[in-house]
Amino acid sequence: MIEIGKVNIGGGLPFVLIAGPCVVENEAITLITAEQIKYITSKLGISLIFKSSYKKANRTSINSFKGIGDSEAITILGKVKEKFDLPLLTDVHSIEEVSKVAATVDVLQIPAFLCRQTELLLAAGETGKVVNIKKGQFLAPEDMKHAVGKVESTGNRKIMLTERGTSFGYNNLVVDMRSLVIMKKFGYPVIMDATHSVQLPSSGGKTGGQPGFIKPLSKAAAAVGIDALFLEVHPNPSKALSDSESQLPINELEQLLKEVQEIDSIVKQHIN
């Protein structure tokens, strides 16, 4: 089990939700989304970690939205933490970013494309913060033990692993639920990212998606026995500045969480 502020994750506990808009677009959308997600999770008794990227370093096109500026976006994330008393998760993309971001957030996320970057993993581990490593689309789940070992070498055992789909030919991803079982054997909490898993990478100069599969993948992963569910949610995904075709509309979140919660409860009864 890992403690993240007031949130405990792993060890057979009920699943935690990691959620928020893909990227910090502005203060209003970020705070409104955080408020709505917290209201829903509080109502259902689900622990919440707020997620939003302060910038998007990996975009298909040079013309894609990258962010509003690092300092402004990190300040907005800090306001979410202060106003709603929520732990924060965001991505880091280079060793230079790590200390700057670690001063505000609780979980440093290593993006899937960077999960083999040794210096980045070491820098994140050395902060003592929780490190969430997303499994690369190009990696077998067994190979994630090497990424884990790099963070462990810093003395940091606060590690989480996230499944987000595997490349299947060109411009497509598939989810192999065996990955969750295999990565769980490393002894750390395992997370299902059900929104990035439905992406269609680099489709016509931007990333597309099949959002109709978010809900079935979330429920299937709960049946496998995940420690957390990762969802990017937005008040109006079609207007989102990033990942507009793979975010969950926030008005559909509560019902999905109820269904996942029911499955999770049954699974955890058998685990415990």
C-alpha atoms as a PDB file:
ATOM      1  CA  MET A   1       0.000   0.000   0.000  1.00  0.00           C
ATOM      2  CA  ILE A   2       1.151   3.535  -0.793  1.00  0.00           C
ATOM      3  CA  GLU A   3       0.047   6.670   1.047  1.00  0.00           C
ATOM      4  CA  ILE A   4      -0.519   9.745  -1.116  1.00  0.00           C
ATOM      5  CA  GLY A   5      -1.670  12.507   1.183  1.00  0.00           C
ATOM      6  CA  LYS A   6      -4.934  11.251   2.642  1.00  0.00           C
ATOM      7  CA  VAL A   7      -5.288   8.625  -0.096  1.00  0.00           C
ATOM      8  CA  ASN A   8      -4.208   5.007   0.365  1.00  0.00           C
ATOM      9  CA  ILE A   9      -3.756   2.909  -2.749  1.00  0.00           C
ATOM     10  CA  GLY A  10      -3.104  -0.799  -3.139  1.00  0.00           C
ATOM     11  CA  GLY A  11      -3.073  -3.631  -0.649  1.00  0.00           C
ATOM     12  CA  GLY A  12      -6.519  -4.862  -1.613  1.00  0.00           C
ATOM     13  CA  LEU A  13      -8.202  -1.555  -0.769  1.00  0.00           C
ATOM     14  CA  PRO A  14     -11.102  -0.228  -2.873  1.00  0.00           C
ATOM     15  CA  PHE A  15      -9.957   1.334  -6.137  1.00  0.00           C
ATOM     16  CA  VAL A  16      -8.812   4.936  -6.272  1.00  0.00           C
ATOM     17  CA  LEU A  17      -9.818   7.288  -9.076  1.00  0.00           C
ATOM     18  CA  ILE A  18      -7.125   9.297 -10.847  1.00  0.00           C
ATOM     19  CA  ALA A  19      -8.935  11.834 -13.001  1.00  0.00           C
ATOM     20  CA  GLY A  20      -9.011  15.280 -14.501  1.00  0.00           C
ATOM     21  CA  PRO A  21      -8.767  17.023 -17.873  1.00  0.00           C
ATOM     22  CA  CYS A  22      -5.923  15.962 -20.145  1.00  0.00           C
ATOM     23  CA  VAL A  23      -4.116  19.285 -19.879  1.00  0.00           C
ATOM     24  CA  VAL A  24      -4.502  22.525 -17.942  1.00  0.00           C
ATOM     25  CA  GLU A  25      -6.357  24.629 -20.512  1.00  0.00           C
ATOM     26  CA  ASN A  26      -7.190  27.508 -18.186  1.00  0.00           C
ATOM     27  CA  GLU A  27      -8.029  28.063 -14.531  1.00  0.00           C
ATOM     28  CA  ALA A  28     -11.808  27.977 -14.924  1.00  0.00           C
ATOM     29  CA  ILE A  29     -12.065  24.589 -16.653  1.00  0.00           C
ATOM     30  CA  THR A  30      -9.491  23.048 -14.324  1.00  0.00           C
ATOM     31  CA  LEU A  31     -11.206  24.205 -11.114  1.00  0.00           C
ATOM     32  CA  ILE A  32     -14.725  23.416 -12.347  1.00  0.00           C
ATOM     33  CA  THR A  33     -13.682  19.914 -13.395  1.00  0.00           C
ATOM     34  CA  ALA A  34     -11.912  19.282 -10.099  1.00  0.00           C
ATOM     35  CA  GLU A  35     -14.959  20.465  -8.159  1.00  0.00           C
ATOM     36  CA  GLN A  36     -17.333  18.224 -10.108  1.00  0.00           C
ATOM     37  CA  ILE A  37     -15.126  15.146  -9.855  1.00  0.00           C
ATOM     38  CA  LYS A  38     -14.637  15.658  -6.131  1.00  0.00           C
ATOM     39  CA  TYR A  39     -18.390  16.031  -5.630  1.00  0.00           C
ATOM     40  CA  ILE A  40     -19.055  12.760  -7.453  1.00  0.00           C
ATOM     41  CA  THR A  41     -16.303  10.776  -5.717  1.00  0.00           C
ATOM     42  CA  SER A  42     -17.225  12.148  -2.288  1.00  0.00           C
ATOM     43  CA  LYS A  43     -20.832  11.123  -2.906  1.00  0.00           C
ATOM     44  CA  LEU A  44     -19.726   7.596  -3.818  1.00  0.00           C
ATOM     45  CA  GLY A  45     -17.015   7.282  -1.170  1.00  0.00           C
ATOM     46  CA  ILE A  46     -14.179   6.917  -3.708  1.00  0.00           C
ATOM     47  CA  SER A  47     -10.721   8.332  -3.018  1.00  0.00           C
ATOM     48  CA  LEU A  48      -9.514  10.796  -5.654  1.00  0.00           C
ATOM     49  CA  ILE A  49      -6.179  11.940  -7.054  1.00  0.00           C
ATOM     50  CA  PHE A  50      -6.508  14.890  -9.433  1.00  0.00           C
ATOM     51  CA  LYS A  51      -4.623  14.573 -12.718  1.00  0.00           C
ATOM     52  CA  SER A  52      -3.874  17.137 -15.368  1.00  0.00           C
ATOM     53  CA  SER A  53      -0.769  17.757 -17.453  1.00  0.00           C
ATOM     54  CA  TYR A  54       0.779  21.184 -17.028  1.00  0.00           C
ATOM     55  CA  LYS A  55       2.056  20.898 -20.582  1.00  0.00           C
ATOM     56  CA  LYS A  56       1.867  18.430 -23.447  1.00  0.00           C
ATOM     57  CA  ALA A  57       5.395  17.640 -24.567  1.00  0.00           C
ATOM     58  CA  ASN A  58       4.393  14.777 -26.854  1.00  0.00           C
ATOM     59  CA  ARG A  59       2.092  15.966 -29.610  1.00  0.00           C
ATOM     60  CA  THR A  60       1.647  14.523 -33.082  1.00  0.00           C
ATOM     61  CA  SER A  61       1.891  17.894 -34.842  1.00  0.00           C
ATOM     62  CA  ILE A  62       3.949  21.035 -34.193  1.00  0.00           C
ATOM     63  CA  ASN A  63       0.647  22.920 -34.467  1.00  0.00           C
ATOM     64  CA  SER A  64      -1.050  21.036 -31.606  1.00  0.00           C
ATOM     65  CA  PHE A  65      -1.794  22.782 -28.302  1.00  0.00           C
ATOM     66  CA  LYS A  66       1.079  22.357 -25.856  1.00  0.00           C
ATOM     67  CA  GLY A  67      -0.041  24.373 -22.841  1.00  0.00           C
ATOM     68  CA  ILE A  68      -0.607  27.807 -21.384  1.00  0.00           C
ATOM     69  CA  GLY A  69       2.891  28.082 -19.920  1.00  0.00           C
ATOM     70  CA  ASP A  70       4.546  25.932 -17.295  1.00  0.00           C
ATOM     71  CA  SER A  71       4.495  28.355 -14.372  1.00  0.00           C
ATOM     72  CA  GLU A  72       0.864  29.383 -14.874  1.00  0.00           C
ATOM     73  CA  ALA A  73      -0.319  25.794 -15.254  1.00  0.00           C
ATOM     74  CA  ILE A  74       1.584  24.578 -12.181  1.00  0.00           C
ATOM     75  CA  THR A  75       0.142  27.480 -10.180  1.00  0.00           C
ATOM     76  CA  ILE A  76      -3.370  26.432 -11.231  1.00  0.00           C
ATOM     77  CA  LEU A  77      -2.675  22.853 -10.139  1.00  0.00           C
ATOM     78  CA  GLY A  78      -1.565  24.242  -6.785  1.00  0.00           C
ATOM     79  CA  LYS A  79      -4.903  26.039  -6.489  1.00  0.00           C
ATOM     80  CA  VAL A  80      -6.721  22.735  -7.069  1.00  0.00           C
ATOM     81  CA  LYS A  81      -4.705  21.155  -4.274  1.00  0.00           C
ATOM     82  CA  GLU A  82      -5.348  24.013  -1.867  1.00  0.00           C
ATOM     83  CA  LYS A  83      -9.025  24.598  -2.656  1.00  0.00           C
ATOM     84  CA  PHE A  84     -10.172  20.985  -2.835  1.00  0.00           C
ATOM     85  CA  ASP A  85      -7.601  19.274  -0.597  1.00  0.00           C
ATOM     86  CA  LEU A  86      -6.655  16.788  -3.293  1.00  0.00           C
ATOM     87  CA  PRO A  87      -3.342  15.093  -4.058  1.00  0.00           C
ATOM     88  CA  LEU A  88      -2.022  15.921  -7.521  1.00  0.00           C
ATOM     89  CA  LEU A  89      -0.521  13.872 -10.345  1.00  0.00           C
ATOM     90  CA  THR A  90       1.165  15.306 -13.417  1.00  0.00           C
ATOM     91  CA  ASP A  91       3.697  14.272 -16.057  1.00  0.00           C
ATOM     92  CA  VAL A  92       7.382  15.135 -16.143  1.00  0.00           C
ATOM     93  CA  HIS A  93       9.305  14.994 -19.391  1.00  0.00           C
ATOM     94  CA  SER A  94      12.902  15.898 -18.556  1.00  0.00           C
ATOM     95  CA  ILE A  95      15.205  15.836 -15.543  1.00  0.00           C
ATOM     96  CA  GLU A  96      15.135  19.647 -15.486  1.00  0.00           C
ATOM     97  CA  GLU A  97      11.377  19.616 -14.867  1.00  0.00           C
ATOM     98  CA  VAL A  98      11.385  17.177 -11.975  1.00  0.00           C
ATOM     99  CA  SER A  99      12.330  19.411  -9.048  1.00  0.00           C
ATOM    100  CA  LYS A 100      10.163  22.264 -10.330  1.00  0.00           C
ATOM    101  CA  VAL A 101       7.082  20.066 -10.499  1.00  0.00           C
ATOM    102  CA  ALA A 102       7.812  18.029  -7.355  1.00  0.00           C
ATOM    103  CA  ALA A 103       7.468  21.155  -5.239  1.00  0.00           C
ATOM    104  CA  THR A 104       3.730  21.229  -6.020  1.00  0.00           C
ATOM    105  CA  VAL A 105       2.506  17.750  -6.951  1.00  0.00           C
ATOM    106  CA  ASP A 106       2.346  14.475  -5.029  1.00  0.00           C
ATOM    107  CA  VAL A 107       2.814  11.978  -7.862  1.00  0.00           C
ATOM    108  CA  LEU A 108       5.333  12.334 -10.675  1.00  0.00           C
ATOM    109  CA  GLN A 109       4.157  10.506 -13.773  1.00  0.00           C
ATOM    110  CA  ILE A 110       6.605   9.114 -16.310  1.00  0.00           C
ATOM    111  CA  PRO A 111       4.906   9.200 -19.728  1.00  0.00           C
ATOM    112  CA  ALA A 112       4.671   5.945 -21.644  1.00  0.00           C
ATOM    113  CA  PHE A 113       7.070   7.047 -24.377  1.00  0.00           C
ATOM    114  CA  LEU A 114       9.669   7.922 -21.729  1.00  0.00           C
ATOM    115  CA  CYS A 115       9.380   4.859 -19.498  1.00  0.00           C
ATOM    116  CA  ARG A 116      12.870   3.665 -20.457  1.00  0.00           C
ATOM    117  CA  GLN A 117      14.588   7.027 -19.909  1.00  0.00           C
ATOM    118  CA  THR A 118      17.021   6.126 -17.149  1.00  0.00           C
ATOM    119  CA  GLU A 119      17.987   9.637 -16.064  1.00  0.00           C
ATOM    120  CA  LEU A 120      14.355  10.731 -15.858  1.00  0.00           C
ATOM    121  CA  LEU A 121      13.373   7.690 -13.775  1.00  0.00           C
ATOM    122  CA  LEU A 122      16.313   8.246 -11.428  1.00  0.00           C
ATOM    123  CA  ALA A 123      15.567  11.950 -11.032  1.00  0.00           C
ATOM    124  CA  ALA A 124      11.922  11.231 -10.230  1.00  0.00           C
ATOM    125  CA  GLY A 125      12.854   8.504  -7.777  1.00  0.00           C
ATOM    126  CA  GLU A 126      15.362  10.717  -5.994  1.00  0.00           C
ATOM    127  CA  THR A 127      12.667  13.247  -5.089  1.00  0.00           C
ATOM    128  CA  GLY A 128      11.073  10.707  -2.736  1.00  0.00           C
ATOM    129  CA  LYS A 129       7.721  11.418  -4.343  1.00  0.00           C
ATOM    130  CA  VAL A 130       5.402   8.692  -5.589  1.00  0.00           C
ATOM    131  CA  VAL A 131       6.382   7.765  -9.160  1.00  0.00           C
ATOM    132  CA  ASN A 132       3.741   6.478 -11.573  1.00  0.00           C
ATOM    133  CA  ILE A 133       5.341   4.788 -14.576  1.00  0.00           C
ATOM    134  CA  LYS A 134       3.127   4.312 -17.604  1.00  0.00           C
ATOM    135  CA  LYS A 135       3.901   1.180 -19.571  1.00  0.00           C
ATOM    136  CA  GLY A 136       5.243   2.014 -22.997  1.00  0.00           C
ATOM    137  CA  GLN A 137       3.021   1.106 -25.914  1.00  0.00           C
ATOM    138  CA  PHE A 138       6.066  -0.720 -27.281  1.00  0.00           C
ATOM    139  CA  LEU A 139       6.905  -2.789 -24.180  1.00  0.00           C
ATOM    140  CA  ALA A 140       5.907  -6.208 -22.954  1.00  0.00           C
ATOM    141  CA  PRO A 141       4.561  -5.939 -19.391  1.00  0.00           C
ATOM    142  CA  GLU A 142       7.415  -8.144 -18.137  1.00  0.00           C
ATOM    143  CA  ASP A 143       9.899  -5.492 -19.263  1.00  0.00           C
ATOM    144  CA  MET A 144       8.472  -2.936 -16.851  1.00  0.00           C
ATOM    145  CA  LYS A 145      10.495  -4.608 -14.097  1.00  0.00           C
ATOM    146  CA  HIS A 146      13.526  -2.765 -15.466  1.00  0.00           C
ATOM    147  CA  ALA A 147      11.821   0.616 -15.144  1.00  0.00           C
ATOM    148  CA  VAL A 148      10.805  -0.350 -11.615  1.00  0.00           C
ATOM    149  CA  GLY A 149      14.384  -1.343 -10.832  1.00  0.00           C
ATOM    150  CA  LYS A 150      15.699   2.050 -11.880  1.00  0.00           C
ATOM    151  CA  VAL A 151      13.408   3.875  -9.451  1.00  0.00           C
ATOM    152  CA  GLU A 152      14.108   1.296  -6.729  1.00  0.00           C
ATOM    153  CA  SER A 153      17.843   1.930  -7.134  1.00  0.00           C
ATOM    154  CA  THR A 154      17.274   5.405  -5.651  1.00  0.00           C
ATOM    155  CA  GLY A 155      15.829   3.860  -2.492  1.00  0.00           C
ATOM    156  CA  ASN A 156      12.324   4.916  -3.478  1.00  0.00           C
ATOM    157  CA  ARG A 157       9.707   2.171  -3.169  1.00  0.00           C
ATOM    158  CA  LYS A 158       6.714   4.436  -3.796  1.00  0.00           C
ATOM    159  CA  ILE A 159       6.027   3.200  -7.297  1.00  0.00           C
ATOM    160  CA  MET A 160       2.862   2.657  -9.331  1.00  0.00           C
ATOM    161  CA  LEU A 161       2.480   1.097 -12.775  1.00  0.00           C
ATOM    162  CA  THR A 162      -0.104   2.032 -15.387  1.00  0.00           C
ATOM    163  CA  GLU A 163      -1.427   0.089 -18.369  1.00  0.00           C
ATOM    164  CA  ARG A 164      -2.421   2.312 -21.312  1.00  0.00           C
ATOM    165  CA  GLY A 165      -2.626  -0.031 -24.272  1.00  0.00           C
ATOM    166  CA  THR A 166      -0.116  -1.646 -26.607  1.00  0.00           C
ATOM    167  CA  SER A 167       0.647  -0.734 -30.221  1.00  0.00           C
ATOM    168  CA  PHE A 168      -1.187  -3.026 -32.607  1.00  0.00           C
ATOM    169  CA  GLY A 169       0.082  -2.330 -36.073  1.00  0.00           C
ATOM    170  CA  TYR A 170      -0.154   1.279 -37.194  1.00  0.00           C
ATOM    171  CA  ASN A 171      -2.503   3.841 -35.598  1.00  0.00           C
ATOM    172  CA  ASN A 172      -4.126   1.435 -33.182  1.00  0.00           C
ATOM    173  CA  LEU A 173      -3.854   0.198 -29.608  1.00  0.00           C
ATOM    174  CA  VAL A 174      -5.142  -2.896 -27.876  1.00  0.00           C
ATOM    175  CA  VAL A 175      -5.372  -3.710 -24.178  1.00  0.00           C
ATOM    176  CA  ASP A 176      -4.088  -7.046 -22.981  1.00  0.00           C
ATOM    177  CA  MET A 177      -5.588  -7.555 -19.540  1.00  0.00           C
ATOM    178  CA  ARG A 178      -2.767  -9.995 -18.774  1.00  0.00           C
ATOM    179  CA  SER A 179      -0.535  -6.938 -18.445  1.00  0.00           C
ATOM    180  CA  LEU A 180      -2.309  -5.904 -15.256  1.00  0.00           C
ATOM    181  CA  VAL A 181      -1.789  -9.345 -13.733  1.00  0.00           C
ATOM    182  CA  ILE A 182       1.858  -9.520 -14.796  1.00  0.00           C
ATOM    183  CA  MET A 183       2.765  -6.036 -13.522  1.00  0.00           C
ATOM    184  CA  LYS A 184       0.972  -6.691 -10.241  1.00  0.00           C
ATOM    185  CA  LYS A 185       3.583  -9.376  -9.522  1.00  0.00           C
ATOM    186  CA  PHE A 186       6.205  -6.660  -9.104  1.00  0.00           C
ATOM    187  CA  GLY A 187       4.557  -5.774  -5.796  1.00  0.00           C
ATOM    188  CA  TYR A 188       3.287  -2.283  -6.577  1.00  0.00           C
ATOM    189  CA  PRO A 189      -0.171  -0.794  -7.225  1.00  0.00           C
ATOM    190  CA  VAL A 190      -1.408  -1.277 -10.772  1.00  0.00           C
ATOM    191  CA  ILE A 191      -3.562   1.269 -12.580  1.00  0.00           C
ATOM    192  CA  MET A 192      -5.736   1.049 -15.681  1.00  0.00           C
ATOM    193  CA  ASP A 193      -5.731   4.099 -17.927  1.00  0.00           C
ATOM    194  CA  ALA A 194      -8.975   3.524 -19.766  1.00  0.00           C
ATOM    195  CA  THR A 195      -8.909   6.745 -21.770  1.00  0.00           C
ATOM    196  CA  HIS A 196      -5.445   6.689 -23.355  1.00  0.00           C
ATOM    197  CA  SER A 197      -6.075   3.024 -24.107  1.00  0.00           C
ATOM    198  CA  VAL A 198      -8.803   3.941 -26.600  1.00  0.00           C
ATOM    199  CA  GLN A 199      -6.632   6.312 -28.601  1.00  0.00           C
ATOM    200  CA  LEU A 200      -5.911   5.926 -32.295  1.00  0.00           C
ATOM    201  CA  PRO A 201      -2.394   7.399 -32.459  1.00  0.00           C
ATOM    202  CA  SER A 202      -1.349   9.818 -35.185  1.00  0.00           C
ATOM    203  CA  SER A 203      -4.542   9.626 -37.184  1.00  0.00           C
ATOM    204  CA  GLY A 204      -4.333  12.350 -39.813  1.00  0.00           C
ATOM    205  CA  GLY A 205      -1.925  14.598 -37.934  1.00  0.00           C
ATOM    206  CA  LYS A 206      -3.530  14.206 -34.518  1.00  0.00           C
ATOM    207  CA  THR A 207      -4.489  11.453 -32.117  1.00  0.00           C
ATOM    208  CA  GLY A 208      -7.960  10.061 -32.622  1.00  0.00           C
ATOM    209  CA  GLY A 209      -9.923   7.789 -30.367  1.00  0.00           C
ATOM    210  CA  GLN A 210     -12.766   5.371 -29.787  1.00  0.00           C
ATOM    211  CA  PRO A 211     -14.368   6.683 -26.581  1.00  0.00           C
ATOM    212  CA  GLY A 212     -17.136   4.100 -26.770  1.00  0.00           C
ATOM    213  CA  PHE A 213     -14.651   1.597 -25.375  1.00  0.00           C
ATOM    214  CA  ILE A 214     -13.749   3.609 -22.227  1.00  0.00           C
ATOM    215  CA  LYS A 215     -16.543   2.108 -20.165  1.00  0.00           C
ATOM    216  CA  PRO A 216     -16.113  -1.569 -21.098  1.00  0.00           C
ATOM    217  CA  LEU A 217     -12.343  -1.361 -20.609  1.00  0.00           C
ATOM    218  CA  SER A 218     -12.804   0.273 -17.198  1.00  0.00           C
ATOM    219  CA  LYS A 219     -15.176  -2.457 -16.054  1.00  0.00           C
ATOM    220  CA  ALA A 220     -13.054  -5.257 -17.491  1.00  0.00           C
ATOM    221  CA  ALA A 221      -9.993  -3.925 -15.668  1.00  0.00           C
ATOM    222  CA  ALA A 222     -11.938  -3.711 -12.418  1.00  0.00           C
ATOM    223  CA  ALA A 223     -12.792  -7.385 -12.833  1.00  0.00           C
ATOM    224  CA  VAL A 224      -9.061  -8.163 -13.094  1.00  0.00           C
ATOM    225  CA  GLY A 225      -8.415  -6.362  -9.808  1.00  0.00           C
ATOM    226  CA  ILE A 226      -6.875  -2.917 -10.351  1.00  0.00           C
ATOM    227  CA  ASP A 227      -5.773  -0.604  -7.551  1.00  0.00           C
ATOM    228  CA  ALA A 228      -6.775   2.563  -9.389  1.00  0.00           C
ATOM    229  CA  LEU A 229      -8.684   3.692 -12.455  1.00  0.00           C
ATOM    230  CA  PHE A 230      -7.211   6.513 -14.534  1.00  0.00           C
ATOM    231  CA  LEU A 231      -9.682   8.582 -16.566  1.00  0.00           C
ATOM    232  CA  GLU A 232      -9.234  11.839 -18.382  1.00  0.00           C
ATOM    233  CA  VAL A 233     -12.532  13.676 -18.099  1.00  0.00           C
ATOM    234  CA  HIS A 234     -13.692  17.001 -19.494  1.00  0.00           C
ATOM    235  CA  PRO A 235     -16.894  19.059 -19.343  1.00  0.00           C
ATOM    236  CA  ASN A 236     -17.042  19.075 -23.148  1.00  0.00           C
ATOM    237  CA  PRO A 237     -14.509  16.699 -24.749  1.00  0.00           C
ATOM    238  CA  SER A 238     -15.284  17.842 -28.295  1.00  0.00           C
ATOM    239  CA  LYS A 239     -13.969  21.288 -27.318  1.00  0.00           C
ATOM    240  CA  ALA A 240     -10.928  20.012 -25.406  1.00  0.00           C
ATOM    241  CA  LEU A 241      -7.572  21.354 -26.565  1.00  0.00           C
ATOM    242  CA  SER A 242      -5.906  17.953 -26.217  1.00  0.00           C
ATOM    243  CA  ASP A 243      -7.165  14.368 -26.598  1.00  0.00           C
ATOM    244  CA  SER A 244     -10.619  15.578 -27.573  1.00  0.00           C
ATOM    245  CA  GLU A 245     -11.517  12.154 -28.977  1.00  0.00           C
ATOM    246  CA  SER A 246     -10.520  10.057 -25.977  1.00  0.00           C
ATOM    247  CA  GLN A 247     -11.761  11.900 -22.884  1.00  0.00           C
ATOM    248  CA  LEU A 248     -14.870  10.923 -20.948  1.00  0.00           C
ATOM    249  CA  PRO A 249     -17.644  13.523 -20.661  1.00  0.00           C
ATOM    250  CA  ILE A 250     -17.897  14.414 -16.998  1.00  0.00           C
ATOM    251  CA  ASN A 251     -21.669  13.931 -17.046  1.00  0.00           C
ATOM    252  CA  GLU A 252     -21.063  10.220 -17.692  1.00  0.00           C
ATOM    253  CA  LEU A 253     -18.566   9.770 -14.862  1.00  0.00           C
ATOM    254  CA  GLU A 254     -20.866   9.012 -11.937  1.00  0.00           C
ATOM    255  CA  GLN A 255     -22.689   6.117 -13.541  1.00  0.00           C
ATOM    256  CA  LEU A 256     -19.454   4.549 -14.749  1.00  0.00           C
ATOM    257  CA  LEU A 257     -17.927   4.809 -11.279  1.00  0.00           C
ATOM    258  CA  LYS A 258     -20.974   3.158  -9.738  1.00  0.00           C
ATOM    259  CA  GLU A 259     -20.595   0.199 -12.073  1.00  0.00           C
ATOM    260  CA  VAL A 260     -16.839  -0.056 -11.524  1.00  0.00           C
ATOM    261  CA  GLN A 261     -17.354   0.239  -7.776  1.00  0.00           C
ATOM    262  CA  GLU A 262     -19.765  -2.674  -7.786  1.00  0.00           C
ATOM    263  CA  ILE A 263     -17.340  -4.891  -9.697  1.00  0.00           C
ATOM    264  CA  ASP A 264     -14.393  -3.779  -7.583  1.00  0.00           C
ATOM    265  CA  SER A 265     -16.258  -4.619  -4.383  1.00  0.00           C
ATOM    266  CA  ILE A 266     -16.921  -8.165  -5.525  1.00  0.00           C
ATOM    267  CA  VAL A 267     -13.330  -8.705  -6.662  1.00  0.00           C
ATOM    268  CA  LYS A 268     -11.769  -7.258  -3.503  1.00  0.00           C
ATOM    269  CA  GLN A 269     -13.993  -9.427  -1.295  1.00  0.00           C
ATOM    270  CA  HIS A 270     -12.382 -12.473  -2.866  1.00  0.00           C
ATOM    271  CA  ILE A 271      -8.872 -10.968  -2.652  1.00  0.00           C
ATOM    272  CA  ASN A 272      -9.259 -10.152   1.016  1.00  0.00           C
END
